[in-house]
Protein backbone atom coordinates (compact mmCIF):
# COMPACT_ATOMS: atom_id res chain seq x y z
CA GLN A 1 127.02 105.66 107.32
CA LEU A 2 124.59 104.77 105.05
CA LYS A 3 123.79 101.24 104.13
CA GLU A 4 124.18 98.87 101.36
CA GLY A 5 121.93 96.12 100.06
CA TYR A 6 118.63 95.97 100.94
CA ILE A 7 115.27 95.51 99.04
CA VAL A 8 112.32 97.24 99.53
CA LYS A 9 108.91 95.36 99.04
CA ILE A 10 105.78 97.59 99.03
CA VAL A 11 102.01 97.66 97.59
CA TYR A 12 100.96 100.25 97.03
CA LEU A 13 96.99 101.34 96.79
CA SER A 14 95.79 104.99 95.65
CA GLU A 15 92.39 106.17 95.87
CA PHE A 16 89.76 107.85 93.61
CA GLU A 17 86.20 108.92 94.16
CA THR A 18 83.60 110.49 91.64
CA ASN A 19 80.40 111.83 91.86
CA GLN A 20 79.45 110.00 88.68
CA PRO A 21 78.09 106.08 88.41
CA ILE A 22 81.63 103.42 87.75
CA ASP A 23 80.05 101.55 84.68
CA ASP A 24 81.98 99.23 82.54
CA ASP A 25 82.90 102.03 80.19
CA PHE A 26 85.63 103.87 82.47
CA ARG A 27 86.31 100.18 83.62
CA ASN A 28 88.11 100.20 80.14
CA SER A 29 88.98 104.00 80.01
CA ASN A 30 92.02 105.15 80.05
CA PHE A 31 91.46 106.72 83.21
CA PRO A 32 91.98 103.82 85.60
CA LYS A 33 95.04 102.56 83.79
CA VAL A 34 96.69 105.47 82.57
CA ASN A 35 96.00 108.74 84.19
CA ALA A 36 95.26 107.19 88.11
CA PRO A 37 98.98 105.70 87.72
CA ALA A 38 99.92 108.52 85.91
CA ILE A 39 98.82 111.27 88.89
CA VAL A 40 99.54 109.09 91.49
CA PHE A 41 103.27 107.85 90.45
CA PRO A 42 105.26 110.98 90.92
CA PHE A 43 103.20 110.71 94.36
CA PHE A 44 105.35 107.57 95.48
CA ARG A 45 108.01 107.95 93.44
CA ALA A 46 109.01 110.41 96.58
CA PHE A 47 107.89 108.86 99.21
CA ILE A 48 110.09 105.68 98.45
CA SER A 49 113.17 108.38 98.07
CA THR A 50 112.52 110.16 101.02
CA PHE A 51 111.72 106.95 103.04
CA LEU A 52 114.60 105.32 103.47
CA LEU A 53 116.76 108.43 102.96
CA ASN A 54 115.32 109.03 106.29
CA ALA A 55 115.50 105.14 107.25
CA GLY A 56 119.11 105.95 106.81
CA TYR A 57 119.74 103.90 103.47
CA GLU A 58 120.98 105.12 100.19
CA PRO A 59 117.97 106.23 98.55
CA ILE A 60 115.92 104.98 94.99
CA ILE A 61 115.01 107.00 92.43
CA LEU A 62 112.64 105.07 90.31
CA PRO A 63 112.65 106.30 86.78
CA SER A 64 109.57 107.59 85.27
CA ILE A 65 106.90 105.46 83.37
CA ASN A 66 104.99 106.38 80.76
CA PHE A 67 101.96 104.60 80.85
CA THR A 68 100.39 105.17 78.02
CA LYS A 69 103.27 103.15 76.33
CA LEU A 70 103.10 100.78 79.55
CA ILE A 71 99.42 99.76 78.55
CA ALA A 72 99.81 99.90 74.45
CA THR A 73 103.10 97.33 75.36
CA SER A 74 100.70 95.81 77.56
CA SER A 75 97.46 95.35 74.91
CA GLN A 76 99.34 93.75 72.35
CA VAL A 77 101.32 90.99 74.03
CA GLU A 78 97.72 90.14 75.24
CA GLU A 79 96.33 89.68 70.78
């Protein structure tokens, strides 16, 4: 029997390595704001649903996220 009515609070961290120095150009580029989250999110999304299913709960399928649009929207809000 599947359980209902739960709250899942998760903080996830992804780590990337580079052989180049991380400078302001890199920090302000799309990679840390768009590309890195877009690479990691599908793994996080799969982990959540599998974790909950294996724990005996109804799995949550997180919606896809358009990180490019998300950053563009948040940039407009900051202005």
